[in-house]
Amino acid sequence: MKRPLLLILLLLCLSNIYATGKKVYFWVDYPNSAKYGKGLTIRINHTEMGRIIPGELAVIYLIGDKKYTVELLDQDHVVGQFKIDTLTDEVSYYSAQIKIKGGSASFSSEKVNETEGHAFVRKDLYTIRMELYEDGLNEVNSNGGGDYGSAFLISADGYIATNYHVVDGYKTIKIKGIEGNFTTEYDADVVVKDINNDLVILRLKDKTVKFSTPPYMLKTQGASTGEEISVLGYPFGPSLGEEIKLTTGVISAKSGVGGNASSYQISAAAQPGNSGGPLLDSHGNILGIVNAKIMNAENITYAVKAVYLQTLITMLPDEIHQPETNTIADKPLPEKVAAVSKFVYIIRCK
């Protein structure tokens, strides 16, 4: 009896903390048989990435230009292994295949051309999203409806900020939560982007939508280690509900991974879906934009500093009217959250 082969596509998308912006795609064909029916374990550079079942699409974000060893495991047995190299190409595509014949398995892999690669990338499969930051992993099951993130308004002109990796590679960008309205979803376009610093500014296609002036300002002066901060966003998208989620902490360090000066390290917990959400100081000003975390460590999160967003704002085609005053500085935290939440949105990309 012929065993059907089902496709798994795993997308590795570099998160630009090291100013890369490169992508590596790879997918694996293997038999949907009793032998592998429960899926295979994916391990990259000795870090387990979770189990992959036939027909699932996984999205994996990695940081840094380097060579990766990808292993497929059935329990503790390595079924197949191949290498990918993000140092050589802007975009690379790899194909791997497992075959069973006479009770034994064989494994092969190859680099494929861009045309064939694009065909597989366009497959609309059930998605598991994984995020690997240096030495850890987070895995999120989604319903195939797209990838989620957070965003926030930077001016009453309708310009909205988020992370570049949230929208990168998707054909449609939809935003909801405008003025607290979660029943209407608006299409948005990229206006300007900063790939190196993982930032993008969006605007709704519907220019008739009216926005209020945000109650906060961008704080482009450096924050101090130990300073109290808050993070607002929508972890896991709407799957946890459309009420905004708050986590609090402190500035743990004034630099990011490897001493990267463009980021803060913070102790506030964040999850997939928090990407693109605002990092606030104790007065409610925007200190940065949440974009990464170390998964196998306790509450190590990173945010791009607001000064880089301010620089990107200067690249907009039109001059915008940013808030000139902070109207919530003296309010208690619950009132700050209530005021700011009207300007923090859910993004869904497909």
C-alpha atoms as a PDB file:
ATOM      1  CA  MET A   1       0.000   0.000   0.000  1.00  0.00           C
ATOM      2  CA  LYS A   2       1.418   3.360  -1.005  1.00  0.00           C
ATOM      3  CA  ARG A   3       1.964   5.689   1.894  1.00  0.00           C
ATOM      4  CA  PRO A   4       0.898   9.289   1.185  1.00  0.00           C
ATOM      5  CA  LEU A   5       3.416  12.057   1.609  1.00  0.00           C
ATOM      6  CA  LEU A   6       2.250  15.259   3.262  1.00  0.00           C
ATOM      7  CA  LEU A   7       4.121  18.541   3.217  1.00  0.00           C
ATOM      8  CA  ILE A   8       5.556  20.370   6.187  1.00  0.00           C
ATOM      9  CA  LEU A   9       6.949  23.802   5.567  1.00  0.00           C
ATOM     10  CA  LEU A  10       9.214  25.328   8.142  1.00  0.00           C
ATOM     11  CA  LEU A  11      10.022  28.997   7.690  1.00  0.00           C
ATOM     12  CA  LEU A  12      13.076  30.451   9.354  1.00  0.00           C
ATOM     13  CA  CYS A  13      12.856  34.222   9.407  1.00  0.00           C
ATOM     14  CA  LEU A  14      15.763  36.235  10.780  1.00  0.00           C
ATOM     15  CA  SER A  15      14.553  38.845  13.233  1.00  0.00           C
ATOM     16  CA  ASN A  16      17.020  41.646  12.348  1.00  0.00           C
ATOM     17  CA  ILE A  17      18.411  42.118  15.871  1.00  0.00           C
ATOM     18  CA  TYR A  18      21.763  41.712  14.164  1.00  0.00           C
ATOM     19  CA  ALA A  19      20.687  43.830  11.194  1.00  0.00           C
ATOM     20  CA  THR A  20      20.294  40.906   8.814  1.00  0.00           C
ATOM     21  CA  GLY A  21      16.839  40.751   7.272  1.00  0.00           C
ATOM     22  CA  LYS A  22      17.708  37.483   5.500  1.00  0.00           C
ATOM     23  CA  LYS A  23      15.382  34.485   5.221  1.00  0.00           C
ATOM     24  CA  VAL A  24      15.820  30.741   5.000  1.00  0.00           C
ATOM     25  CA  TYR A  25      12.932  28.470   4.034  1.00  0.00           C
ATOM     26  CA  PHE A  26      12.935  24.704   4.314  1.00  0.00           C
ATOM     27  CA  TRP A  27      10.284  22.031   4.140  1.00  0.00           C
ATOM     28  CA  VAL A  28      10.184  18.276   4.730  1.00  0.00           C
ATOM     29  CA  ASP A  29       8.194  15.527   3.007  1.00  0.00           C
ATOM     30  CA  TYR A  30       7.767  12.395   5.067  1.00  0.00           C
ATOM     31  CA  PRO A  31       5.320   9.467   5.249  1.00  0.00           C
ATOM     32  CA  ASN A  32       2.145   9.860   7.268  1.00  0.00           C
ATOM     33  CA  SER A  33       2.584   6.334   8.551  1.00  0.00           C
ATOM     34  CA  ALA A  34       2.400   4.580  11.882  1.00  0.00           C
ATOM     35  CA  LYS A  35       6.158   5.000  12.159  1.00  0.00           C
ATOM     36  CA  TYR A  36       5.983   8.799  12.040  1.00  0.00           C
ATOM     37  CA  GLY A  37       2.282   9.345  12.679  1.00  0.00           C
ATOM     38  CA  LYS A  38       2.925  11.229  15.923  1.00  0.00           C
ATOM     39  CA  GLY A  39       5.293  13.612  14.224  1.00  0.00           C
ATOM     40  CA  LEU A  40       9.007  14.261  14.351  1.00  0.00           C
ATOM     41  CA  THR A  41      11.037  16.403  16.691  1.00  0.00           C
ATOM     42  CA  ILE A  42      12.857  19.294  15.049  1.00  0.00           C
ATOM     43  CA  ARG A  43      16.217  20.214  16.566  1.00  0.00           C
ATOM     44  CA  ILE A  44      18.283  23.175  15.374  1.00  0.00           C
ATOM     45  CA  ASN A  45      21.821  23.657  16.691  1.00  0.00           C
ATOM     46  CA  HIS A  46      21.072  21.238  19.547  1.00  0.00           C
ATOM     47  CA  THR A  47      17.913  23.135  20.582  1.00  0.00           C
ATOM     48  CA  GLU A  48      14.626  21.212  20.361  1.00  0.00           C
ATOM     49  CA  MET A  49      12.000  23.164  18.434  1.00  0.00           C
ATOM     50  CA  GLY A  50       8.964  21.014  19.226  1.00  0.00           C
ATOM     51  CA  ARG A  51       7.137  18.276  17.336  1.00  0.00           C
ATOM     52  CA  ILE A  52       6.040  18.589  13.722  1.00  0.00           C
ATOM     53  CA  ILE A  53       3.034  16.644  12.414  1.00  0.00           C
ATOM     54  CA  PRO A  54       2.293  16.146   8.684  1.00  0.00           C
ATOM     55  CA  GLY A  55       0.342  19.033   7.211  1.00  0.00           C
ATOM     56  CA  GLU A  56       1.491  21.685   9.700  1.00  0.00           C
ATOM     57  CA  LEU A  57       3.278  24.876   8.771  1.00  0.00           C
ATOM     58  CA  ALA A  58       5.838  26.174  11.269  1.00  0.00           C
ATOM     59  CA  VAL A  59       7.210  29.703  11.363  1.00  0.00           C
ATOM     60  CA  ILE A  60      10.571  30.035  13.107  1.00  0.00           C
ATOM     61  CA  TYR A  61      12.359  33.331  13.801  1.00  0.00           C
ATOM     62  CA  LEU A  62      16.128  33.179  14.324  1.00  0.00           C
ATOM     63  CA  ILE A  63      18.689  35.870  15.020  1.00  0.00           C
ATOM     64  CA  GLY A  64      22.202  36.179  13.689  1.00  0.00           C
ATOM     65  CA  ASP A  65      24.022  35.162  10.513  1.00  0.00           C
ATOM     66  CA  LYS A  66      25.440  31.696  10.969  1.00  0.00           C
ATOM     67  CA  LYS A  67      25.343  28.083   9.869  1.00  0.00           C
ATOM     68  CA  TYR A  68      22.588  25.912  11.318  1.00  0.00           C
ATOM     69  CA  THR A  69      22.373  22.139  11.683  1.00  0.00           C
ATOM     70  CA  VAL A  70      18.793  20.871  11.361  1.00  0.00           C
ATOM     71  CA  GLU A  71      17.966  17.443  12.755  1.00  0.00           C
ATOM     72  CA  LEU A  72      14.723  15.441  12.521  1.00  0.00           C
ATOM     73  CA  LEU A  73      14.257  12.972  15.377  1.00  0.00           C
ATOM     74  CA  ASP A  74      11.906  10.054  16.007  1.00  0.00           C
ATOM     75  CA  GLN A  75      12.037   9.907  19.794  1.00  0.00           C
ATOM     76  CA  ASP A  76      15.807  10.014  20.421  1.00  0.00           C
ATOM     77  CA  HIS A  77      16.772   8.583  17.038  1.00  0.00           C
ATOM     78  CA  VAL A  78      18.044  11.024  14.396  1.00  0.00           C
ATOM     79  CA  VAL A  79      16.114  10.246  11.208  1.00  0.00           C
ATOM     80  CA  GLY A  80      17.815  12.880   9.102  1.00  0.00           C
ATOM     81  CA  GLN A  81      20.184  15.839   9.284  1.00  0.00           C
ATOM     82  CA  PHE A  82      21.120  18.673   6.961  1.00  0.00           C
ATOM     83  CA  LYS A  83      22.759  22.084   7.143  1.00  0.00           C
ATOM     84  CA  ILE A  84      21.614  25.564   6.151  1.00  0.00           C
ATOM     85  CA  ASP A  85      23.783  28.642   5.824  1.00  0.00           C
ATOM     86  CA  THR A  86      22.349  32.154   6.269  1.00  0.00           C
ATOM     87  CA  LEU A  87      25.731  33.740   5.589  1.00  0.00           C
ATOM     88  CA  THR A  88      25.775  33.196   1.844  1.00  0.00           C
ATOM     89  CA  ASP A  89      22.354  34.157   0.454  1.00  0.00           C
ATOM     90  CA  GLU A  90      19.725  36.809   1.014  1.00  0.00           C
ATOM     91  CA  VAL A  91      17.025  34.134   0.529  1.00  0.00           C
ATOM     92  CA  SER A  92      17.605  30.375   0.469  1.00  0.00           C
ATOM     93  CA  TYR A  93      15.275  27.394  -0.052  1.00  0.00           C
ATOM     94  CA  TYR A  94      15.961  23.854   1.082  1.00  0.00           C
ATOM     95  CA  SER A  95      13.998  20.640   0.573  1.00  0.00           C
ATOM     96  CA  ALA A  96      14.328  17.456   2.631  1.00  0.00           C
ATOM     97  CA  GLN A  97      12.606  14.110   2.151  1.00  0.00           C
ATOM     98  CA  ILE A  98      12.239  10.930   4.184  1.00  0.00           C
ATOM     99  CA  LYS A  99      11.346   7.672   2.412  1.00  0.00           C
ATOM    100  CA  ILE A 100      10.564   4.247   3.893  1.00  0.00           C
ATOM    101  CA  LYS A 101      11.397   1.118   1.916  1.00  0.00           C
ATOM    102  CA  GLY A 102      11.645  -2.400   3.250  1.00  0.00           C
ATOM    103  CA  GLY A 103      11.122  -1.188   6.812  1.00  0.00           C
ATOM    104  CA  SER A 104      14.105   1.175   6.757  1.00  0.00           C
ATOM    105  CA  ALA A 105      14.143   4.951   6.287  1.00  0.00           C
ATOM    106  CA  SER A 106      16.334   7.003   3.972  1.00  0.00           C
ATOM    107  CA  PHE A 107      16.885  10.743   4.091  1.00  0.00           C
ATOM    108  CA  SER A 108      17.922  13.268   1.457  1.00  0.00           C
ATOM    109  CA  SER A 109      18.067  17.046   1.219  1.00  0.00           C
ATOM    110  CA  GLU A 110      18.913  19.638  -1.410  1.00  0.00           C
ATOM    111  CA  LYS A 111      18.831  23.338  -2.091  1.00  0.00           C
ATOM    112  CA  VAL A 112      16.085  24.234  -4.586  1.00  0.00           C
ATOM    113  CA  ASN A 113      15.539  27.151  -6.918  1.00  0.00           C
ATOM    114  CA  GLU A 114      13.587  30.289  -6.088  1.00  0.00           C
ATOM    115  CA  THR A 115      10.590  29.446  -8.318  1.00  0.00           C
ATOM    116  CA  GLU A 116      10.002  26.105  -6.623  1.00  0.00           C
ATOM    117  CA  GLY A 117      10.651  27.699  -3.245  1.00  0.00           C
ATOM    118  CA  HIS A 118       8.014  30.383  -3.801  1.00  0.00           C
ATOM    119  CA  ALA A 119       5.459  27.709  -4.743  1.00  0.00           C
ATOM    120  CA  PHE A 120       5.846  25.980  -1.387  1.00  0.00           C
ATOM    121  CA  VAL A 121       5.947  29.197   0.614  1.00  0.00           C
ATOM    122  CA  ARG A 122       2.512  30.097  -0.762  1.00  0.00           C
ATOM    123  CA  LYS A 123       0.962  26.898   0.639  1.00  0.00           C
ATOM    124  CA  ASP A 124      -1.823  27.765   3.101  1.00  0.00           C
ATOM    125  CA  LEU A 125      -1.380  25.139   5.823  1.00  0.00           C
ATOM    126  CA  TYR A 126      -2.269  24.894   9.479  1.00  0.00           C
ATOM    127  CA  THR A 127       0.355  26.853  11.359  1.00  0.00           C
ATOM    128  CA  ILE A 128       2.587  26.282  14.344  1.00  0.00           C
ATOM    129  CA  ARG A 129       4.684  29.319  15.087  1.00  0.00           C
ATOM    130  CA  MET A 130       8.022  28.927  16.805  1.00  0.00           C
ATOM    131  CA  GLU A 131      10.431  31.611  17.938  1.00  0.00           C
ATOM    132  CA  LEU A 132      14.040  30.720  18.654  1.00  0.00           C
ATOM    133  CA  TYR A 133      16.094  33.501  20.211  1.00  0.00           C
ATOM    134  CA  GLU A 134      19.672  32.326  20.735  1.00  0.00           C
ATOM    135  CA  ASP A 135      18.999  29.424  23.086  1.00  0.00           C
ATOM    136  CA  GLY A 136      15.272  29.087  23.625  1.00  0.00           C
ATOM    137  CA  LEU A 137      11.912  28.418  22.067  1.00  0.00           C
ATOM    138  CA  ASN A 138       8.306  29.402  22.278  1.00  0.00           C
ATOM    139  CA  GLU A 139       5.639  27.554  20.336  1.00  0.00           C
ATOM    140  CA  VAL A 140       2.167  28.862  19.545  1.00  0.00           C
ATOM    141  CA  ASN A 141      -0.611  27.015  17.748  1.00  0.00           C
ATOM    142  CA  SER A 142      -2.728  29.249  15.552  1.00  0.00           C
ATOM    143  CA  ASN A 143      -5.864  28.490  13.581  1.00  0.00           C
ATOM    144  CA  GLY A 144      -4.482  29.145  10.118  1.00  0.00           C
ATOM    145  CA  GLY A 145      -6.106  32.594  10.128  1.00  0.00           C
ATOM    146  CA  GLY A 146      -2.772  34.354   9.960  1.00  0.00           C
ATOM    147  CA  ASP A 147       0.016  35.594  12.158  1.00  0.00           C
ATOM    148  CA  TYR A 148      -0.717  38.068  14.958  1.00  0.00           C
ATOM    149  CA  GLY A 149       1.128  40.967  16.519  1.00  0.00           C
ATOM    150  CA  SER A 150       0.531  44.263  18.294  1.00  0.00           C
ATOM    151  CA  ALA A 151       0.869  47.870  17.125  1.00  0.00           C
ATOM    152  CA  PHE A 152       0.243  51.384  18.401  1.00  0.00           C
ATOM    153  CA  LEU A 153      -0.676  54.815  17.063  1.00  0.00           C
ATOM    154  CA  ILE A 154       2.061  57.443  16.798  1.00  0.00           C
ATOM    155  CA  SER A 155      -0.028  60.361  15.556  1.00  0.00           C
ATOM    156  CA  ALA A 156      -3.625  61.428  14.966  1.00  0.00           C
ATOM    157  CA  ASP A 157      -2.713  61.452  11.243  1.00  0.00           C
ATOM    158  CA  GLY A 158      -3.233  57.705  11.359  1.00  0.00           C
ATOM    159  CA  TYR A 159       0.348  56.410  11.344  1.00  0.00           C
ATOM    160  CA  ILE A 160       0.829  53.153  13.243  1.00  0.00           C
ATOM    161  CA  ALA A 161       4.088  51.541  14.427  1.00  0.00           C
ATOM    162  CA  THR A 162       4.944  47.854  14.804  1.00  0.00           C
ATOM    163  CA  ASN A 163       7.848  45.451  14.191  1.00  0.00           C
ATOM    164  CA  TYR A 164       9.002  44.723  10.670  1.00  0.00           C
ATOM    165  CA  HIS A 165       9.082  40.968  11.391  1.00  0.00           C
ATOM    166  CA  VAL A 166       5.351  41.058  12.239  1.00  0.00           C
ATOM    167  CA  VAL A 167       4.403  42.027   8.667  1.00  0.00           C
ATOM    168  CA  ASP A 168       7.375  40.741   6.687  1.00  0.00           C
ATOM    169  CA  GLY A 169       6.461  38.322   3.912  1.00  0.00           C
ATOM    170  CA  TYR A 170       2.676  38.709   4.147  1.00  0.00           C
ATOM    171  CA  LYS A 171       0.369  39.922   1.388  1.00  0.00           C
ATOM    172  CA  THR A 172      -2.338  41.422   3.601  1.00  0.00           C
ATOM    173  CA  ILE A 173      -2.127  43.396   6.848  1.00  0.00           C
ATOM    174  CA  LYS A 174      -5.287  43.925   8.868  1.00  0.00           C
ATOM    175  CA  ILE A 175      -5.687  46.021  12.019  1.00  0.00           C
ATOM    176  CA  LYS A 176      -8.471  46.096  14.581  1.00  0.00           C
ATOM    177  CA  GLY A 177      -9.005  47.797  17.904  1.00  0.00           C
ATOM    178  CA  ILE A 178      -9.080  51.339  16.490  1.00  0.00           C
ATOM    179  CA  GLU A 179     -10.556  53.561  19.204  1.00  0.00           C
ATOM    180  CA  GLY A 180     -11.455  50.371  21.086  1.00  0.00           C
ATOM    181  CA  ASN A 181     -13.507  48.935  18.205  1.00  0.00           C
ATOM    182  CA  PHE A 182     -12.753  45.228  17.726  1.00  0.00           C
ATOM    183  CA  THR A 183     -15.666  44.475  15.415  1.00  0.00           C
ATOM    184  CA  THR A 184     -14.162  46.235  12.388  1.00  0.00           C
ATOM    185  CA  GLU A 185     -10.906  45.123  10.771  1.00  0.00           C
ATOM    186  CA  TYR A 186      -9.078  47.570   8.481  1.00  0.00           C
ATOM    187  CA  ASP A 187      -6.572  46.870   5.714  1.00  0.00           C
ATOM    188  CA  ALA A 188      -3.232  48.630   6.108  1.00  0.00           C
ATOM    189  CA  ASP A 189      -0.181  49.349   3.949  1.00  0.00           C
ATOM    190  CA  VAL A 190       3.503  49.694   4.802  1.00  0.00           C
ATOM    191  CA  VAL A 191       4.581  53.330   4.464  1.00  0.00           C
ATOM    192  CA  VAL A 192       8.229  53.157   5.605  1.00  0.00           C
ATOM    193  CA  LYS A 193      10.356  50.422   7.120  1.00  0.00           C
ATOM    194  CA  ASP A 194      13.663  49.982   8.934  1.00  0.00           C
ATOM    195  CA  ILE A 195      14.671  46.347   8.474  1.00  0.00           C
ATOM    196  CA  ASN A 196      17.883  46.689  10.464  1.00  0.00           C
ATOM    197  CA  ASN A 197      16.046  47.854  13.576  1.00  0.00           C
ATOM    198  CA  ASP A 198      12.938  45.689  13.029  1.00  0.00           C
ATOM    199  CA  LEU A 199      10.546  48.635  12.670  1.00  0.00           C
ATOM    200  CA  VAL A 200       7.792  49.558  10.256  1.00  0.00           C
ATOM    201  CA  ILE A 201       5.187  52.322  10.053  1.00  0.00           C
ATOM    202  CA  LEU A 202       1.757  51.496   8.623  1.00  0.00           C
ATOM    203  CA  ARG A 203      -1.305  53.452   7.563  1.00  0.00           C
ATOM    204  CA  LEU A 204      -4.867  52.301   6.968  1.00  0.00           C
ATOM    205  CA  LYS A 205      -6.014  52.130   3.358  1.00  0.00           C
ATOM    206  CA  ASP A 206      -9.273  53.753   4.445  1.00  0.00           C
ATOM    207  CA  LYS A 207      -8.214  57.376   4.919  1.00  0.00           C
ATOM    208  CA  THR A 208     -11.662  58.369   6.229  1.00  0.00           C
ATOM    209  CA  VAL A 209     -11.039  56.676   9.604  1.00  0.00           C
ATOM    210  CA  LYS A 210     -10.618  59.302  12.324  1.00  0.00           C
ATOM    211  CA  PHE A 211      -8.040  59.001  15.100  1.00  0.00           C
ATOM    212  CA  SER A 212      -7.776  60.810  18.409  1.00  0.00           C
ATOM    213  CA  THR A 213      -4.469  62.248  19.590  1.00  0.00           C
ATOM    214  CA  PRO A 214      -2.531  59.674  21.670  1.00  0.00           C
ATOM    215  CA  PRO A 215      -2.044  60.635  25.336  1.00  0.00           C
ATOM    216  CA  TYR A 216       1.651  59.703  25.304  1.00  0.00           C
ATOM    217  CA  MET A 217       4.869  60.957  23.733  1.00  0.00           C
ATOM    218  CA  LEU A 218       7.928  59.173  22.377  1.00  0.00           C
ATOM    219  CA  LYS A 219      10.760  59.310  24.911  1.00  0.00           C
ATOM    220  CA  THR A 220      13.939  59.320  22.853  1.00  0.00           C
ATOM    221  CA  GLN A 221      16.293  60.048  25.742  1.00  0.00           C
ATOM    222  CA  GLY A 222      17.860  56.939  27.223  1.00  0.00           C
ATOM    223  CA  ALA A 223      16.197  55.166  30.131  1.00  0.00           C
ATOM    224  CA  SER A 224      18.091  54.104  33.247  1.00  0.00           C
ATOM    225  CA  THR A 225      18.764  50.580  34.439  1.00  0.00           C
ATOM    226  CA  GLY A 226      16.250  49.789  37.175  1.00  0.00           C
ATOM    227  CA  GLU A 227      13.618  52.179  35.820  1.00  0.00           C
ATOM    228  CA  GLU A 228      10.066  50.825  36.135  1.00  0.00           C
ATOM    229  CA  ILE A 229       8.351  49.962  32.856  1.00  0.00           C
ATOM    230  CA  SER A 230       5.122  48.450  31.485  1.00  0.00           C
ATOM    231  CA  VAL A 231       4.340  46.451  28.359  1.00  0.00           C
ATOM    232  CA  LEU A 232       0.941  46.489  26.641  1.00  0.00           C
ATOM    233  CA  GLY A 233      -0.166  44.223  23.834  1.00  0.00           C
ATOM    234  CA  TYR A 234      -2.098  41.200  22.675  1.00  0.00           C
ATOM    235  CA  PRO A 235      -0.084  38.026  23.371  1.00  0.00           C
ATOM    236  CA  PHE A 236      -1.275  35.083  21.244  1.00  0.00           C
ATOM    237  CA  GLY A 237      -3.531  37.472  19.286  1.00  0.00           C
ATOM    238  CA  PRO A 238      -7.263  37.284  20.048  1.00  0.00           C
ATOM    239  CA  SER A 239      -7.044  33.653  21.210  1.00  0.00           C
ATOM    240  CA  LEU A 240      -6.746  34.919  24.807  1.00  0.00           C
ATOM    241  CA  GLY A 241      -9.499  37.484  24.287  1.00  0.00           C
ATOM    242  CA  GLU A 242      -9.447  41.020  22.968  1.00  0.00           C
ATOM    243  CA  GLU A 243      -8.829  42.687  26.319  1.00  0.00           C
ATOM    244  CA  ILE A 244      -5.382  44.278  26.322  1.00  0.00           C
ATOM    245  CA  LYS A 245      -2.766  42.525  28.451  1.00  0.00           C
ATOM    246  CA  LEU A 246      -0.371  44.327  30.826  1.00  0.00           C
ATOM    247  CA  THR A 247       2.957  43.121  32.199  1.00  0.00           C
ATOM    248  CA  THR A 248       5.331  45.185  34.314  1.00  0.00           C
ATOM    249  CA  GLY A 249       9.007  45.125  35.218  1.00  0.00           C
ATOM    250  CA  VAL A 250      12.174  47.190  35.035  1.00  0.00           C
ATOM    251  CA  ILE A 251      14.886  48.096  32.568  1.00  0.00           C
ATOM    252  CA  SER A 252      17.329  45.236  33.132  1.00  0.00           C
ATOM    253  CA  ALA A 253      20.017  46.596  30.819  1.00  0.00           C
ATOM    254  CA  LYS A 254      20.450  49.484  28.418  1.00  0.00           C
ATOM    255  CA  SER A 255      21.590  47.129  25.646  1.00  0.00           C
ATOM    256  CA  GLY A 256      20.269  44.022  23.955  1.00  0.00           C
ATOM    257  CA  VAL A 257      21.680  40.705  22.751  1.00  0.00           C
ATOM    258  CA  GLY A 258      25.462  40.832  22.501  1.00  0.00           C
ATOM    259  CA  GLY A 259      25.526  44.421  23.784  1.00  0.00           C
ATOM    260  CA  ASN A 260      23.362  45.699  20.922  1.00  0.00           C
ATOM    261  CA  ALA A 261      22.885  49.415  21.717  1.00  0.00           C
ATOM    262  CA  SER A 262      19.634  49.737  19.755  1.00  0.00           C
ATOM    263  CA  SER A 263      17.658  47.691  22.296  1.00  0.00           C
ATOM    264  CA  TYR A 264      16.704  47.597  25.953  1.00  0.00           C
ATOM    265  CA  GLN A 265      16.597  44.397  27.948  1.00  0.00           C
ATOM    266  CA  ILE A 266      13.553  44.377  30.225  1.00  0.00           C
ATOM    267  CA  SER A 267      12.170  42.031  32.866  1.00  0.00           C
ATOM    268  CA  ALA A 268       8.504  42.321  31.816  1.00  0.00           C
ATOM    269  CA  ALA A 269       7.133  39.063  30.449  1.00  0.00           C
ATOM    270  CA  ALA A 270       6.185  38.966  26.761  1.00  0.00           C
ATOM    271  CA  GLN A 271       4.798  36.307  24.430  1.00  0.00           C
ATOM    272  CA  PRO A 272       4.283  35.923  20.666  1.00  0.00           C
ATOM    273  CA  GLY A 273       1.669  38.527  19.793  1.00  0.00           C
ATOM    274  CA  ASN A 274       3.351  41.127  22.035  1.00  0.00           C
ATOM    275  CA  SER A 275       5.731  41.917  19.170  1.00  0.00           C
ATOM    276  CA  GLY A 276       5.152  45.489  18.014  1.00  0.00           C
ATOM    277  CA  GLY A 277       3.515  46.596  21.263  1.00  0.00           C
ATOM    278  CA  PRO A 278       4.677  49.641  23.235  1.00  0.00           C
ATOM    279  CA  LEU A 279       7.172  49.685  26.077  1.00  0.00           C
ATOM    280  CA  LEU A 280       6.071  52.441  28.486  1.00  0.00           C
ATOM    281  CA  ASP A 281       7.924  54.309  31.224  1.00  0.00           C
ATOM    282  CA  SER A 282       6.338  55.130  34.581  1.00  0.00           C
ATOM    283  CA  HIS A 283       4.767  58.288  33.099  1.00  0.00           C
ATOM    284  CA  GLY A 284       3.197  56.454  30.171  1.00  0.00           C
ATOM    285  CA  ASN A 285       5.658  57.642  27.531  1.00  0.00           C
ATOM    286  CA  ILE A 286       6.827  55.275  24.782  1.00  0.00           C
ATOM    287  CA  LEU A 287      10.339  54.026  25.561  1.00  0.00           C
ATOM    288  CA  GLY A 288      10.460  51.367  22.866  1.00  0.00           C
ATOM    289  CA  ILE A 289       8.789  48.659  20.829  1.00  0.00           C
ATOM    290  CA  VAL A 290       8.803  45.061  22.103  1.00  0.00           C
ATOM    291  CA  ASN A 291      10.363  42.690  19.575  1.00  0.00           C
ATOM    292  CA  ALA A 292      12.159  39.660  21.052  1.00  0.00           C
ATOM    293  CA  LYS A 293      12.803  37.492  24.087  1.00  0.00           C
ATOM    294  CA  ILE A 294      14.983  34.672  25.394  1.00  0.00           C
ATOM    295  CA  MET A 295      12.674  31.729  25.855  1.00  0.00           C
ATOM    296  CA  ASN A 296      14.690  29.460  28.147  1.00  0.00           C
ATOM    297  CA  ALA A 297      15.341  32.247  30.632  1.00  0.00           C
ATOM    298  CA  GLU A 298      13.092  33.939  33.155  1.00  0.00           C
ATOM    299  CA  ASN A 299      11.536  37.131  31.739  1.00  0.00           C
ATOM    300  CA  ILE A 300      14.311  38.317  29.438  1.00  0.00           C
ATOM    301  CA  THR A 301      12.611  40.484  26.833  1.00  0.00           C
ATOM    302  CA  TYR A 302      13.969  43.027  24.361  1.00  0.00           C
ATOM    303  CA  ALA A 303      12.573  46.245  22.907  1.00  0.00           C
ATOM    304  CA  VAL A 304      13.878  48.509  20.158  1.00  0.00           C
ATOM    305  CA  LYS A 305      14.555  51.977  21.563  1.00  0.00           C
ATOM    306  CA  ALA A 306      12.099  54.745  20.645  1.00  0.00           C
ATOM    307  CA  VAL A 307      14.859  56.940  19.199  1.00  0.00           C
ATOM    308  CA  TYR A 308      15.041  54.566  16.213  1.00  0.00           C
ATOM    309  CA  LEU A 309      11.309  54.879  15.670  1.00  0.00           C
ATOM    310  CA  GLN A 310      11.671  58.666  15.790  1.00  0.00           C
ATOM    311  CA  THR A 311      14.337  58.457  13.095  1.00  0.00           C
ATOM    312  CA  LEU A 312      12.020  56.346  10.940  1.00  0.00           C
ATOM    313  CA  ILE A 313       9.246  58.924  11.413  1.00  0.00           C
ATOM    314  CA  THR A 314      11.479  61.517   9.730  1.00  0.00           C
ATOM    315  CA  MET A 315      11.430  59.318   6.615  1.00  0.00           C
ATOM    316  CA  LEU A 316       7.639  59.531   6.212  1.00  0.00           C
ATOM    317  CA  PRO A 317       6.533  61.241   2.996  1.00  0.00           C
ATOM    318  CA  ASP A 318       4.460  63.781   4.953  1.00  0.00           C
ATOM    319  CA  GLU A 319       5.113  65.732   8.123  1.00  0.00           C
ATOM    320  CA  ILE A 320       2.980  64.325  10.924  1.00  0.00           C
ATOM    321  CA  HIS A 321       1.567  65.838  14.098  1.00  0.00           C
ATOM    322  CA  GLN A 322       3.025  63.891  16.991  1.00  0.00           C
ATOM    323  CA  PRO A 323       1.661  64.481  20.503  1.00  0.00           C
ATOM    324  CA  GLU A 324       3.426  67.419  22.157  1.00  0.00           C
ATOM    325  CA  THR A 325       2.273  66.706  25.696  1.00  0.00           C
ATOM    326  CA  ASN A 326       1.711  63.687  27.910  1.00  0.00           C
ATOM    327  CA  THR A 327      -1.795  63.901  29.388  1.00  0.00           C
ATOM    328  CA  ILE A 328      -1.530  60.818  31.639  1.00  0.00           C
ATOM    329  CA  ALA A 329       1.791  61.348  33.419  1.00  0.00           C
ATOM    330  CA  ASP A 330       0.249  61.914  36.865  1.00  0.00           C
ATOM    331  CA  LYS A 331      -2.488  59.291  36.616  1.00  0.00           C
ATOM    332  CA  PRO A 332      -2.304  55.939  38.470  1.00  0.00           C
ATOM    333  CA  LEU A 333      -1.302  52.897  36.420  1.00  0.00           C
ATOM    334  CA  PRO A 334      -4.866  51.554  35.884  1.00  0.00           C
ATOM    335  CA  GLU A 335      -5.908  54.898  34.383  1.00  0.00           C
ATOM    336  CA  LYS A 336      -2.774  54.998  32.231  1.00  0.00           C
ATOM    337  CA  VAL A 337      -3.563  51.530  30.910  1.00  0.00           C
ATOM    338  CA  ALA A 338      -7.170  52.477  30.159  1.00  0.00           C
ATOM    339  CA  ALA A 339      -6.062  55.590  28.269  1.00  0.00           C
ATOM    340  CA  VAL A 340      -3.248  53.960  26.288  1.00  0.00           C
ATOM    341  CA  SER A 341      -5.174  50.793  25.416  1.00  0.00           C
ATOM    342  CA  LYS A 342      -7.407  52.710  22.990  1.00  0.00           C
ATOM    343  CA  PHE A 343      -4.298  53.297  20.864  1.00  0.00           C
ATOM    344  CA  VAL A 344      -2.793  49.791  20.953  1.00  0.00           C
ATOM    345  CA  TYR A 345      -4.084  47.499  18.208  1.00  0.00           C
ATOM    346  CA  ILE A 346      -4.134  43.874  17.054  1.00  0.00           C
ATOM    347  CA  ILE A 347      -2.458  43.123  13.709  1.00  0.00           C
ATOM    348  CA  ARG A 348      -3.334  40.041  11.679  1.00  0.00           C
ATOM    349  CA  CYS A 349      -1.228  39.219   8.634  1.00  0.00           C
ATOM    350  CA  LYS A 350      -1.803  36.635   5.922  1.00  0.00           C
END
